[in-house]
Amino acid sequence: MTVLIYVHKLVQNSAVNITFLDDDHIIKNSVELKEAIRSLDYAAPNHITVIDEVNTHTIDYAQFDIMLISFVAWKQISFEKEQWTKIIPSTLILKP
């Protein structure tokens, strides 16, 4: 949830587009996260996107300027998807 605090501040203070990658269906299966993202979308209509059910190899990561990720998620990705970490944009890892 720490990531959502930063995303909320970004949405309120600038004209950004936010994309959530939900390849593990964590957002899809969490009422709390879905509601938090719905609140973000209300604050900044048409600036929030959730990508789920997607092969991470088909995403063009060059289109993103920065990635915010929790420390827990980063640890998982760095062990499971080592090749993926080489193609992602600048990354801010947030520790709770």
PDB file of N, CA and C in Angstrom:
ATOM      1  N   MET A   1       0.810  -1.198   0.000  1.00  0.00           N
ATOM      2  CA  MET A   1       0.000   0.000   0.000  1.00  0.00           C
ATOM      3  C   MET A   1       0.855   1.264   0.000  1.00  0.00           C
ATOM      4  N   THR A   2       2.107   1.154   0.396  1.00  0.00           N
ATOM      5  CA  THR A   2       2.994   2.315   0.380  1.00  0.00           C
ATOM      6  C   THR A   2       3.081   2.913  -1.013  1.00  0.00           C
ATOM      7  N   VAL A   3       3.118   2.062  -2.012  1.00  0.00           N
ATOM      8  CA  VAL A   3       3.207   2.532  -3.398  1.00  0.00           C
ATOM      9  C   VAL A   3       1.992   3.393  -3.732  1.00  0.00           C
ATOM     10  N   LEU A   4       0.831   3.004  -3.265  1.00  0.00           N
ATOM     11  CA  LEU A   4      -0.387   3.759  -3.556  1.00  0.00           C
ATOM     12  C   LEU A   4      -0.358   5.164  -2.956  1.00  0.00           C
ATOM     13  N   ILE A   5       0.309   5.336  -1.850  1.00  0.00           N
ATOM     14  CA  ILE A   5       0.433   6.677  -1.259  1.00  0.00           C
ATOM     15  C   ILE A   5       1.186   7.594  -2.214  1.00  0.00           C
ATOM     16  N   TYR A   6       2.284   7.104  -2.773  1.00  0.00           N
ATOM     17  CA  TYR A   6       3.061   7.902  -3.720  1.00  0.00           C
ATOM     18  C   TYR A   6       2.296   8.129  -5.017  1.00  0.00           C
ATOM     19  N   VAL A   7       1.614   7.117  -5.487  1.00  0.00           N
ATOM     20  CA  VAL A   7       0.825   7.253  -6.711  1.00  0.00           C
ATOM     21  C   VAL A   7      -0.258   8.305  -6.511  1.00  0.00           C
ATOM     22  N   HIS A   8      -0.912   8.293  -5.367  1.00  0.00           N
ATOM     23  CA  HIS A   8      -1.955   9.271  -5.081  1.00  0.00           C
ATOM     24  C   HIS A   8      -1.392  10.696  -5.120  1.00  0.00           C
ATOM     25  N   LYS A   9      -0.203  10.892  -4.558  1.00  0.00           N
ATOM     26  CA  LYS A   9       0.425  12.206  -4.588  1.00  0.00           C
ATOM     27  C   LYS A   9       0.788  12.609  -6.012  1.00  0.00           C
ATOM     28  N   LEU A  10       1.269  11.683  -6.800  1.00  0.00           N
ATOM     29  CA  LEU A  10       1.602  11.985  -8.195  1.00  0.00           C
ATOM     30  C   LEU A  10       0.364  12.404  -8.978  1.00  0.00           C
ATOM     31  N   VAL A  11      -0.712  11.685  -8.784  1.00  0.00           N
ATOM     32  CA  VAL A  11      -1.954  11.972  -9.511  1.00  0.00           C
ATOM     33  C   VAL A  11      -2.487  13.347  -9.123  1.00  0.00           C
ATOM     34  N   GLN A  12      -2.403  13.712  -7.865  1.00  0.00           N
ATOM     35  CA  GLN A  12      -2.932  14.995  -7.406  1.00  0.00           C
ATOM     36  C   GLN A  12      -2.086  16.184  -7.843  1.00  0.00           C
ATOM     37  N   ASN A  13      -0.796  15.979  -8.029  1.00  0.00           N
ATOM     38  CA  ASN A  13       0.103  17.100  -8.251  1.00  0.00           C
ATOM     39  C   ASN A  13       0.624  17.250  -9.667  1.00  0.00           C
ATOM     40  N   SER A  14       0.247  16.392 -10.570  1.00  0.00           N
ATOM     41  CA  SER A  14       0.722  16.539 -11.947  1.00  0.00           C
ATOM     42  C   SER A  14      -0.167  15.761 -12.903  1.00  0.00           C
ATOM     43  N   ALA A  15       0.013  16.060 -14.161  1.00  0.00           N
ATOM     44  CA  ALA A  15      -0.762  15.385 -15.212  1.00  0.00           C
ATOM     45  C   ALA A  15      -0.006  14.133 -15.658  1.00  0.00           C
ATOM     46  N   VAL A  16      -0.095  13.093 -14.852  1.00  0.00           N
ATOM     47  CA  VAL A  16       0.610  11.849 -15.149  1.00  0.00           C
ATOM     48  C   VAL A  16      -0.387  10.769 -15.557  1.00  0.00           C
ATOM     49  N   ASN A  17       0.119   9.786 -16.232  1.00  0.00           N
ATOM     50  CA  ASN A  17      -0.639   8.575 -16.512  1.00  0.00           C
ATOM     51  C   ASN A  17      -0.010   7.463 -15.692  1.00  0.00           C
ATOM     52  N   ILE A  18      -0.839   6.746 -14.959  1.00  0.00           N
ATOM     53  CA  ILE A  18      -0.380   5.681 -14.076  1.00  0.00           C
ATOM     54  C   ILE A  18      -0.875   4.350 -14.629  1.00  0.00           C
ATOM     55  N   THR A  19       0.040   3.397 -14.733  1.00  0.00           N
ATOM     56  CA  THR A  19      -0.312   2.056 -15.181  1.00  0.00           C
ATOM     57  C   THR A  19       0.085   1.069 -14.091  1.00  0.00           C
ATOM     58  N   PHE A  20      -0.874   0.271 -13.663  1.00  0.00           N
ATOM     59  CA  PHE A  20      -0.617  -0.789 -12.696  1.00  0.00           C
ATOM     60  C   PHE A  20      -0.507  -2.099 -13.460  1.00  0.00           C
ATOM     61  N   LEU A  21       0.549  -2.841 -13.221  1.00  0.00           N
ATOM     62  CA  LEU A  21       0.722  -4.160 -13.824  1.00  0.00           C
ATOM     63  C   LEU A  21       0.297  -5.186 -12.787  1.00  0.00           C
ATOM     64  N   ASP A  22      -0.725  -5.946 -13.105  1.00  0.00           N
ATOM     65  CA  ASP A  22      -1.308  -6.905 -12.164  1.00  0.00           C
ATOM     66  C   ASP A  22      -1.233  -8.314 -12.746  1.00  0.00           C
ATOM     67  N   ASP A  23      -0.031  -8.760 -13.078  1.00  0.00           N
ATOM     68  CA  ASP A  23       0.088 -10.077 -13.696  1.00  0.00           C
ATOM     69  C   ASP A  23      -0.123 -11.221 -12.711  1.00  0.00           C
ATOM     70  N   ASP A  24      -0.048 -10.953 -11.417  1.00  0.00           N
ATOM     71  CA  ASP A  24      -0.327 -11.976 -10.402  1.00  0.00           C
ATOM     72  C   ASP A  24      -1.759 -11.884  -9.871  1.00  0.00           C
ATOM     73  N   HIS A  25      -2.568 -10.985 -10.422  1.00  0.00           N
ATOM     74  CA  HIS A  25      -3.987 -10.796 -10.073  1.00  0.00           C
ATOM     75  C   HIS A  25      -4.195 -10.400  -8.616  1.00  0.00           C
ATOM     76  N   ILE A  26      -3.240  -9.687  -8.067  1.00  0.00           N
ATOM     77  CA  ILE A  26      -3.376  -9.217  -6.685  1.00  0.00           C
ATOM     78  C   ILE A  26      -4.441  -8.130  -6.610  1.00  0.00           C
ATOM     79  N   ILE A  27      -4.424  -7.209  -7.555  1.00  0.00           N
ATOM     80  CA  ILE A  27      -5.432  -6.143  -7.572  1.00  0.00           C
ATOM     81  C   ILE A  27      -6.808  -6.734  -7.854  1.00  0.00           C
ATOM     82  N   LYS A  28      -6.859  -7.611  -8.815  1.00  0.00           N
ATOM     83  CA  LYS A  28      -8.127  -8.223  -9.228  1.00  0.00           C
ATOM     84  C   LYS A  28      -8.805  -8.955  -8.064  1.00  0.00           C
ATOM     85  N   ASN A  29      -8.007  -9.544  -7.175  1.00  0.00           N
ATOM     86  CA  ASN A  29      -8.553 -10.343  -6.084  1.00  0.00           C
ATOM     87  C   ASN A  29      -8.669  -9.595  -4.763  1.00  0.00           C
ATOM     88  N   SER A  30      -8.321  -8.309  -4.743  1.00  0.00           N
ATOM     89  CA  SER A  30      -8.366  -7.547  -3.501  1.00  0.00           C
ATOM     90  C   SER A  30      -9.387  -6.410  -3.613  1.00  0.00           C
ATOM     91  N   VAL A  31     -10.417  -6.498  -2.824  1.00  0.00           N
ATOM     92  CA  VAL A  31     -11.441  -5.447  -2.809  1.00  0.00           C
ATOM     93  C   VAL A  31     -10.820  -4.129  -2.369  1.00  0.00           C
ATOM     94  N   GLU A  32      -9.938  -4.188  -1.383  1.00  0.00           N
ATOM     95  CA  GLU A  32      -9.307  -2.978  -0.852  1.00  0.00           C
ATOM     96  C   GLU A  32      -8.464  -2.272  -1.925  1.00  0.00           C
ATOM     97  N   LEU A  33      -7.674  -3.032  -2.665  1.00  0.00           N
ATOM     98  CA  LEU A  33      -6.848  -2.432  -3.719  1.00  0.00           C
ATOM     99  C   LEU A  33      -7.705  -1.901  -4.864  1.00  0.00           C
ATOM    100  N   LYS A  34      -8.721  -2.657  -5.248  1.00  0.00           N
ATOM    101  CA  LYS A  34      -9.610  -2.187  -6.316  1.00  0.00           C
ATOM    102  C   LYS A  34     -10.274  -0.873  -5.929  1.00  0.00           C
ATOM    103  N   GLU A  35     -10.695  -0.767  -4.682  1.00  0.00           N
ATOM    104  CA  GLU A  35     -11.332   0.466  -4.213  1.00  0.00           C
ATOM    105  C   GLU A  35     -10.334   1.624  -4.186  1.00  0.00           C
ATOM    106  N   ALA A  36      -9.097   1.365  -3.781  1.00  0.00           N
ATOM    107  CA  ALA A  36      -8.073   2.412  -3.760  1.00  0.00           C
ATOM    108  C   ALA A  36      -7.780   2.901  -5.172  1.00  0.00           C
ATOM    109  N   ILE A  37      -7.726   2.005  -6.115  1.00  0.00           N
ATOM    110  CA  ILE A  37      -7.463   2.389  -7.509  1.00  0.00           C
ATOM    111  C   ILE A  37      -8.670   3.102  -8.098  1.00  0.00           C
ATOM    112  N   ARG A  38      -9.849   2.683  -7.733  1.00  0.00           N
ATOM    113  CA  ARG A  38     -11.058   3.373  -8.179  1.00  0.00           C
ATOM    114  C   ARG A  38     -11.071   4.811  -7.656  1.00  0.00           C
ATOM    115  N   SER A  39     -10.614   5.000  -6.431  1.00  0.00           N
ATOM    116  CA  SER A  39     -10.511   6.340  -5.851  1.00  0.00           C
ATOM    117  C   SER A  39      -9.504   7.190  -6.618  1.00  0.00           C
ATOM    118  N   LEU A  40      -8.382   6.597  -7.008  1.00  0.00           N
ATOM    119  CA  LEU A  40      -7.391   7.305  -7.821  1.00  0.00           C
ATOM    120  C   LEU A  40      -7.971   7.699  -9.165  1.00  0.00           C
ATOM    121  N   ASP A  41      -8.720   6.800  -9.761  1.00  0.00           N
ATOM    122  CA  ASP A  41      -9.328   7.078 -11.057  1.00  0.00           C
ATOM    123  C   ASP A  41     -10.362   8.198 -10.945  1.00  0.00           C
ATOM    124  N   TYR A  42     -11.043   8.262  -9.820  1.00  0.00           N
ATOM    125  CA  TYR A  42     -12.002   9.336  -9.589  1.00  0.00           C
ATOM    126  C   TYR A  42     -11.269  10.681  -9.478  1.00  0.00           C
ATOM    127  N   ALA A  43     -10.100  10.670  -8.812  1.00  0.00           N
ATOM    128  CA  ALA A  43      -9.323  11.899  -8.636  1.00  0.00           C
ATOM    129  C   ALA A  43      -8.706  12.366  -9.945  1.00  0.00           C
ATOM    130  N   ALA A  44      -8.378  11.419 -10.823  1.00  0.00           N
ATOM    131  CA  ALA A  44      -7.748  11.755 -12.107  1.00  0.00           C
ATOM    132  C   ALA A  44      -8.352  10.878 -13.200  1.00  0.00           C
ATOM    133  N   PRO A  45      -9.545  11.238 -13.670  1.00  0.00           N
ATOM    134  CA  PRO A  45     -10.208  10.414 -14.687  1.00  0.00           C
ATOM    135  C   PRO A  45      -9.340  10.233 -15.932  1.00  0.00           C
ATOM    136  N   ASN A  46      -9.346   9.036 -16.460  1.00  0.00           N
ATOM    137  CA  ASN A  46      -8.635   8.674 -17.682  1.00  0.00           C
ATOM    138  C   ASN A  46      -7.112   8.740 -17.552  1.00  0.00           C
ATOM    139  N   HIS A  47      -6.597   8.718 -16.327  1.00  0.00           N
ATOM    140  CA  HIS A  47      -5.152   8.722 -16.119  1.00  0.00           C
ATOM    141  C   HIS A  47      -4.668   7.443 -15.443  1.00  0.00           C
ATOM    142  N   ILE A  48      -5.586   6.539 -15.128  1.00  0.00           N
ATOM    143  CA  ILE A  48      -5.253   5.304 -14.426  1.00  0.00           C
ATOM    144  C   ILE A  48      -5.601   4.115 -15.322  1.00  0.00           C
ATOM    145  N   THR A  49      -4.641   3.199 -15.454  1.00  0.00           N
ATOM    146  CA  THR A  49      -4.847   1.980 -16.241  1.00  0.00           C
ATOM    147  C   THR A  49      -4.359   0.791 -15.426  1.00  0.00           C
ATOM    148  N   VAL A  50      -5.094  -0.301 -15.491  1.00  0.00           N
ATOM    149  CA  VAL A  50      -4.664  -1.544 -14.866  1.00  0.00           C
ATOM    150  C   VAL A  50      -4.501  -2.570 -15.977  1.00  0.00           C
ATOM    151  N   ILE A  51      -3.300  -3.124 -16.066  1.00  0.00           N
ATOM    152  CA  ILE A  51      -3.028  -4.170 -17.049  1.00  0.00           C
ATOM    153  C   ILE A  51      -2.974  -5.490 -16.298  1.00  0.00           C
ATOM    154  N   ASP A  52      -3.863  -6.402 -16.679  1.00  0.00           N
ATOM    155  CA  ASP A  52      -3.819  -7.740 -16.095  1.00  0.00           C
ATOM    156  C   ASP A  52      -3.935  -8.767 -17.213  1.00  0.00           C
ATOM    157  N   GLU A  53      -3.727  -9.999 -16.853  1.00  0.00           N
ATOM    158  CA  GLU A  53      -3.777 -11.093 -17.827  1.00  0.00           C
ATOM    159  C   GLU A  53      -2.931 -10.787 -19.055  1.00  0.00           C
ATOM    160  N   VAL A  54      -1.675 -10.446 -18.814  1.00  0.00           N
ATOM    161  CA  VAL A  54      -0.799 -10.090 -19.912  1.00  0.00           C
ATOM    162  C   VAL A  54       0.538 -10.802 -19.725  1.00  0.00           C
ATOM    163  N   ASN A  55       1.148 -11.143 -20.835  1.00  0.00           N
ATOM    164  CA  ASN A  55       2.486 -11.702 -20.802  1.00  0.00           C
ATOM    165  C   ASN A  55       3.455 -10.539 -20.638  1.00  0.00           C
ATOM    166  N   THR A  56       4.245 -10.550 -19.581  1.00  0.00           N
ATOM    167  CA  THR A  56       5.135  -9.422 -19.309  1.00  0.00           C
ATOM    168  C   THR A  56       6.181  -9.231 -20.399  1.00  0.00           C
ATOM    169  N   HIS A  57       6.379 -10.228 -21.234  1.00  0.00           N
ATOM    170  CA  HIS A  57       7.346 -10.096 -22.328  1.00  0.00           C
ATOM    171  C   HIS A  57       6.797  -9.253 -23.473  1.00  0.00           C
ATOM    172  N   THR A  58       5.494  -9.024 -23.512  1.00  0.00           N
ATOM    173  CA  THR A  58       4.896  -8.259 -24.606  1.00  0.00           C
ATOM    174  C   THR A  58       4.756  -6.770 -24.291  1.00  0.00           C
ATOM    175  N   ILE A  59       5.075  -6.366 -23.091  1.00  0.00           N
ATOM    176  CA  ILE A  59       4.951  -4.962 -22.702  1.00  0.00           C
ATOM    177  C   ILE A  59       6.201  -4.201 -23.135  1.00  0.00           C
ATOM    178  N   ASP A  60       5.986  -3.040 -23.728  1.00  0.00           N
ATOM    179  CA  ASP A  60       7.089  -2.170 -24.112  1.00  0.00           C
ATOM    180  C   ASP A  60       7.419  -1.262 -22.933  1.00  0.00           C
ATOM    181  N   TYR A  61       8.373  -1.660 -22.146  1.00  0.00           N
ATOM    182  CA  TYR A  61       8.718  -0.909 -20.936  1.00  0.00           C
ATOM    183  C   TYR A  61       9.355   0.436 -21.250  1.00  0.00           C
ATOM    184  N   ALA A  62       9.837   0.630 -22.454  1.00  0.00           N
ATOM    185  CA  ALA A  62      10.440   1.907 -22.845  1.00  0.00           C
ATOM    186  C   ALA A  62       9.405   3.039 -22.839  1.00  0.00           C
ATOM    187  N   GLN A  63       8.118   2.704 -22.897  1.00  0.00           N
ATOM    188  CA  GLN A  63       7.082   3.737 -22.889  1.00  0.00           C
ATOM    189  C   GLN A  63       6.897   4.372 -21.508  1.00  0.00           C
ATOM    190  N   PHE A  64       7.434   3.758 -20.473  1.00  0.00           N
ATOM    191  CA  PHE A  64       7.284   4.262 -19.116  1.00  0.00           C
ATOM    192  C   PHE A  64       8.523   5.054 -18.713  1.00  0.00           C
ATOM    193  N   ASP A  65       8.318   6.119 -17.950  1.00  0.00           N
ATOM    194  CA  ASP A  65       9.431   6.947 -17.485  1.00  0.00           C
ATOM    195  C   ASP A  65      10.029   6.428 -16.182  1.00  0.00           C
ATOM    196  N   ILE A  66       9.173   5.928 -15.313  1.00  0.00           N
ATOM    197  CA  ILE A  66       9.642   5.456 -14.006  1.00  0.00           C
ATOM    198  C   ILE A  66       8.697   4.374 -13.515  1.00  0.00           C
ATOM    199  N   MET A  67       9.236   3.504 -12.691  1.00  0.00           N
ATOM    200  CA  MET A  67       8.428   2.447 -12.095  1.00  0.00           C
ATOM    201  C   MET A  67       8.565   2.557 -10.585  1.00  0.00           C
ATOM    202  N   LEU A  68       7.429   2.561  -9.892  1.00  0.00           N
ATOM    203  CA  LEU A  68       7.411   2.512  -8.430  1.00  0.00           C
ATOM    204  C   LEU A  68       7.050   1.087  -8.039  1.00  0.00           C
ATOM    205  N   ILE A  69       7.805   0.517  -7.129  1.00  0.00           N
ATOM    206  CA  ILE A  69       7.557  -0.869  -6.753  1.00  0.00           C
ATOM    207  C   ILE A  69       7.882  -1.055  -5.276  1.00  0.00           C
ATOM    208  N   SER A  70       7.124  -1.900  -4.616  1.00  0.00           N
ATOM    209  CA  SER A  70       7.408  -2.164  -3.207  1.00  0.00           C
ATOM    210  C   SER A  70       8.637  -3.058  -3.097  1.00  0.00           C
ATOM    211  N   PHE A  71       9.285  -2.975  -1.967  1.00  0.00           N
ATOM    212  CA  PHE A  71      10.479  -3.786  -1.732  1.00  0.00           C
ATOM    213  C   PHE A  71      10.160  -5.270  -1.808  1.00  0.00           C
ATOM    214  N   VAL A  72       9.019  -5.656  -1.261  1.00  0.00           N
ATOM    215  CA  VAL A  72       8.607  -7.067  -1.289  1.00  0.00           C
ATOM    216  C   VAL A  72       8.434  -7.546  -2.728  1.00  0.00           C
ATOM    217  N   ALA A  73       7.767  -6.752  -3.548  1.00  0.00           N
ATOM    218  CA  ALA A  73       7.580  -7.130  -4.956  1.00  0.00           C
ATOM    219  C   ALA A  73       8.910  -7.153  -5.697  1.00  0.00           C
ATOM    220  N   TRP A  74       9.780  -6.192  -5.399  1.00  0.00           N
ATOM    221  CA  TRP A  74      11.090  -6.153  -6.052  1.00  0.00           C
ATOM    222  C   TRP A  74      11.908  -7.405  -5.744  1.00  0.00           C
ATOM    223  N   LYS A  75      11.884  -7.843  -4.480  1.00  0.00           N
ATOM    224  CA  LYS A  75      12.611  -9.060  -4.113  1.00  0.00           C
ATOM    225  C   LYS A  75      12.089 -10.254  -4.906  1.00  0.00           C
ATOM    226  N   GLN A  76      10.780 -10.345  -5.037  1.00  0.00           N
ATOM    227  CA  GLN A  76      10.184 -11.454  -5.773  1.00  0.00           C
ATOM    228  C   GLN A  76      10.584 -11.403  -7.243  1.00  0.00           C
ATOM    229  N   ILE A  77      10.498 -10.242  -7.843  1.00  0.00           N
ATOM    230  CA  ILE A  77      10.829 -10.090  -9.259  1.00  0.00           C
ATOM    231  C   ILE A  77      12.305 -10.349  -9.514  1.00  0.00           C
ATOM    232  N   SER A  78      13.163  -9.829  -8.663  1.00  0.00           N
ATOM    233  CA  SER A  78      14.592  -9.980  -8.900  1.00  0.00           C
ATOM    234  C   SER A  78      15.029 -11.435  -8.824  1.00  0.00           C
ATOM    235  N   PHE A  79      14.325 -12.257  -8.062  1.00  0.00           N
ATOM    236  CA  PHE A  79      14.657 -13.672  -7.997  1.00  0.00           C
ATOM    237  C   PHE A  79      13.979 -14.480  -9.092  1.00  0.00           C
ATOM    238  N   GLU A  80      12.708 -14.188  -9.380  1.00  0.00           N
ATOM    239  CA  GLU A  80      11.932 -14.991 -10.313  1.00  0.00           C
ATOM    240  C   GLU A  80      12.083 -14.572 -11.766  1.00  0.00           C
ATOM    241  N   LYS A  81      12.253 -13.290 -12.015  1.00  0.00           N
ATOM    242  CA  LYS A  81      12.257 -12.770 -13.384  1.00  0.00           C
ATOM    243  C   LYS A  81      13.485 -11.906 -13.616  1.00  0.00           C
ATOM    244  N   GLU A  82      14.654 -12.483 -13.442  1.00  0.00           N
ATOM    245  CA  GLU A  82      15.895 -11.718 -13.515  1.00  0.00           C
ATOM    246  C   GLU A  82      16.042 -10.994 -14.850  1.00  0.00           C
ATOM    247  N   GLN A  83      15.672 -11.614 -15.955  1.00  0.00           N
ATOM    248  CA  GLN A  83      15.783 -10.971 -17.269  1.00  0.00           C
ATOM    249  C   GLN A  83      14.890  -9.738 -17.354  1.00  0.00           C
ATOM    250  N   TRP A  84      13.752  -9.789 -16.704  1.00  0.00           N
ATOM    251  CA  TRP A  84      12.791  -8.691 -16.727  1.00  0.00           C
ATOM    252  C   TRP A  84      13.393  -7.440 -16.111  1.00  0.00           C
ATOM    253  N   THR A  85      14.223  -7.601 -15.094  1.00  0.00           N
ATOM    254  CA  THR A  85      14.799  -6.445 -14.410  1.00  0.00           C
ATOM    255  C   THR A  85      15.762  -5.671 -15.300  1.00  0.00           C
ATOM    256  N   LYS A  86      16.213  -6.264 -16.375  1.00  0.00           N
ATOM    257  CA  LYS A  86      17.151  -5.589 -17.272  1.00  0.00           C
ATOM    258  C   LYS A  86      16.461  -4.661 -18.270  1.00  0.00           C
ATOM    259  N   ILE A  87      15.150  -4.796 -18.443  1.00  0.00           N
ATOM    260  CA  ILE A  87      14.442  -3.998 -19.465  1.00  0.00           C
ATOM    261  C   ILE A  87      13.492  -2.968 -18.883  1.00  0.00           C
ATOM    262  N   ILE A  88      13.396  -2.902 -17.567  1.00  0.00           N
ATOM    263  CA  ILE A  88      12.469  -1.950 -16.956  1.00  0.00           C
ATOM    264  C   ILE A  88      13.077  -0.553 -16.900  1.00  0.00           C
ATOM    265  N   PRO A  89      12.227   0.477 -16.798  1.00  0.00           N
ATOM    266  CA  PRO A  89      12.734   1.863 -16.732  1.00  0.00           C
ATOM    267  C   PRO A  89      13.355   2.147 -15.362  1.00  0.00           C
ATOM    268  N   SER A  90      13.738   3.389 -15.143  1.00  0.00           N
ATOM    269  CA  SER A  90      14.232   3.793 -13.821  1.00  0.00           C
ATOM    270  C   SER A  90      13.232   3.350 -12.772  1.00  0.00           C
ATOM    271  N   THR A  91      13.743   2.881 -11.658  1.00  0.00           N
ATOM    272  CA  THR A  91      12.880   2.238 -10.670  1.00  0.00           C
ATOM    273  C   THR A  91      13.117   2.826  -9.288  1.00  0.00           C
ATOM    274  N   LEU A  92      12.016   3.123  -8.611  1.00  0.00           N
ATOM    275  CA  LEU A  92      12.066   3.567  -7.228  1.00  0.00           C
ATOM    276  C   LEU A  92      11.493   2.445  -6.383  1.00  0.00           C
ATOM    277  N   ILE A  93      12.327   1.855  -5.542  1.00  0.00           N
ATOM    278  CA  ILE A  93      11.911   0.753  -4.695  1.00  0.00           C
ATOM    279  C   ILE A  93      11.541   1.322  -3.329  1.00  0.00           C
ATOM    280  N   LEU A  94      10.304   1.079  -2.915  1.00  0.00           N
ATOM    281  CA  LEU A  94       9.781   1.640  -1.662  1.00  0.00           C
ATOM    282  C   LEU A  94       9.708   0.587  -0.593  1.00  0.00           C
ATOM    283  N   LYS A  95      10.339   0.852   0.525  1.00  0.00           N
ATOM    284  CA  LYS A  95      10.313  -0.060   1.646  1.00  0.00           C
ATOM    285  C   LYS A  95       9.277   0.448   2.660  1.00  0.00           C
ATOM    286  N   PRO A  96       8.383  -0.432   3.113  1.00  0.00           N
ATOM    287  CA  PRO A  96       7.355   0.007   4.065  1.00  0.00           C
ATOM    288  C   PRO A  96       7.918   0.424   5.400  1.00  0.00           C
TER     289      PRO A  96
END
